[in-house]
Protein backbone atom coordinates (compact mmCIF):
# COMPACT_ATOMS: atom_id res chain seq x y z
CA UNK A 1 -11.46 4.38 -2.13
CA UNK A 2 -9.92 5.73 1.04
CA UNK A 3 -8.83 9.31 0.46
CA UNK A 4 -8.01 12.36 2.54
CA UNK A 5 -11.20 14.31 3.28
CA UNK A 6 -9.63 17.38 1.74
CA UNK A 7 -7.72 16.83 -1.52
CA UNK A 8 -5.23 19.53 -0.48
CA UNK A 9 -4.09 17.11 2.26
CA UNK A 10 -2.95 14.58 -0.37
CA UNK A 11 0.73 14.11 -1.20
CA UNK A 12 2.23 12.63 -4.37
CA UNK A 13 4.27 9.42 -4.19
CA UNK A 14 6.21 7.67 -6.94
CA UNK A 15 6.70 3.89 -6.96
CA UNK A 16 8.72 1.46 -9.03
CA UNK A 17 7.13 -1.98 -9.22
CA UNK A 18 8.01 -5.36 -10.69
CA UNK A 19 6.36 -5.74 -14.11
CA UNK A 20 4.13 -8.58 -12.86
CA UNK A 21 2.79 -6.35 -10.08
CA UNK A 22 2.15 -3.48 -12.49
CA UNK A 23 0.40 -5.81 -14.92
CA UNK A 24 -1.90 -7.05 -12.17
CA UNK A 25 -2.75 -3.46 -11.22
CA UNK A 26 -3.50 -2.84 -14.91
CA UNK A 27 -5.80 -5.88 -14.96
CA UNK A 28 -7.68 -4.67 -11.87
CA UNK A 29 -8.02 -1.21 -13.43
CA UNK A 30 -9.29 -2.71 -16.70
CA UNK A 31 -11.90 -4.66 -14.75
CA UNK A 32 -12.89 -1.51 -12.86
CA UNK A 33 -11.82 -2.98 -9.53
CA UNK A 34 -10.64 -0.44 -6.93
CA UNK A 35 -10.01 2.32 -9.48
CA UNK A 36 -9.88 3.24 -13.16
CA UNK A 37 -6.10 3.44 -13.56
CA UNK A 38 -3.11 1.54 -12.27
CA UNK A 39 -2.25 4.51 -10.05
CA UNK A 40 -5.75 4.68 -8.56
CA UNK A 41 -5.71 0.94 -7.82
CA UNK A 42 -2.25 1.13 -6.25
CA UNK A 43 -3.25 4.14 -4.15
CA UNK A 44 -6.39 2.37 -2.93
CA UNK A 45 -4.44 -0.74 -1.88
CA UNK A 46 -1.63 1.22 -0.26
CA UNK A 47 -3.94 3.51 1.72
CA UNK A 48 -6.08 0.55 2.84
CA UNK A 49 -3.01 -1.36 4.04
CA UNK A 50 -1.54 1.64 5.86
CA UNK A 51 -4.83 2.18 7.73
CA UNK A 52 -4.87 -1.51 8.75
CA UNK A 53 -1.24 -1.40 9.88
CA UNK A 54 -1.86 1.77 11.89
CA UNK A 55 -4.99 0.35 13.51
CA UNK A 56 -3.13 -2.82 14.53
CA UNK A 57 -0.22 -0.85 16.01
CA UNK A 58 2.31 -2.20 13.52
CA UNK A 59 4.55 0.80 14.18
CA UNK A 60 4.81 -0.30 17.82
CA UNK A 61 6.00 -3.83 16.95
CA UNK A 62 9.58 -4.51 17.95
CA UNK A 63 11.61 -7.31 16.43
CA UNK A 64 14.03 -8.83 18.94
CA UNK A 65 17.71 -8.86 18.00
CA UNK A 66 19.11 -12.18 16.80
CA UNK A 67 20.36 -14.55 19.46
CA UNK A 68 24.13 -14.96 19.84
CA UNK A 69 23.64 -18.72 20.25
CA UNK A 70 23.40 -19.36 16.48
CA UNK A 71 20.64 -22.02 16.59
């Protein structure tokens, strides 16, 4: 799992998820995929996605304002 090199660099985060999402995280944890607990699985997925977004320059993406022409 992707983690900070030094555990003291880690920061806590609290999430509220739809029950279906939580149940799927629980299933993955039960199967030993990506972590042993729902929190470990969620952290793994979140960190992985943030690294991908950062690498792709997602933060530099600009969404154009809507057109006044009203399609």
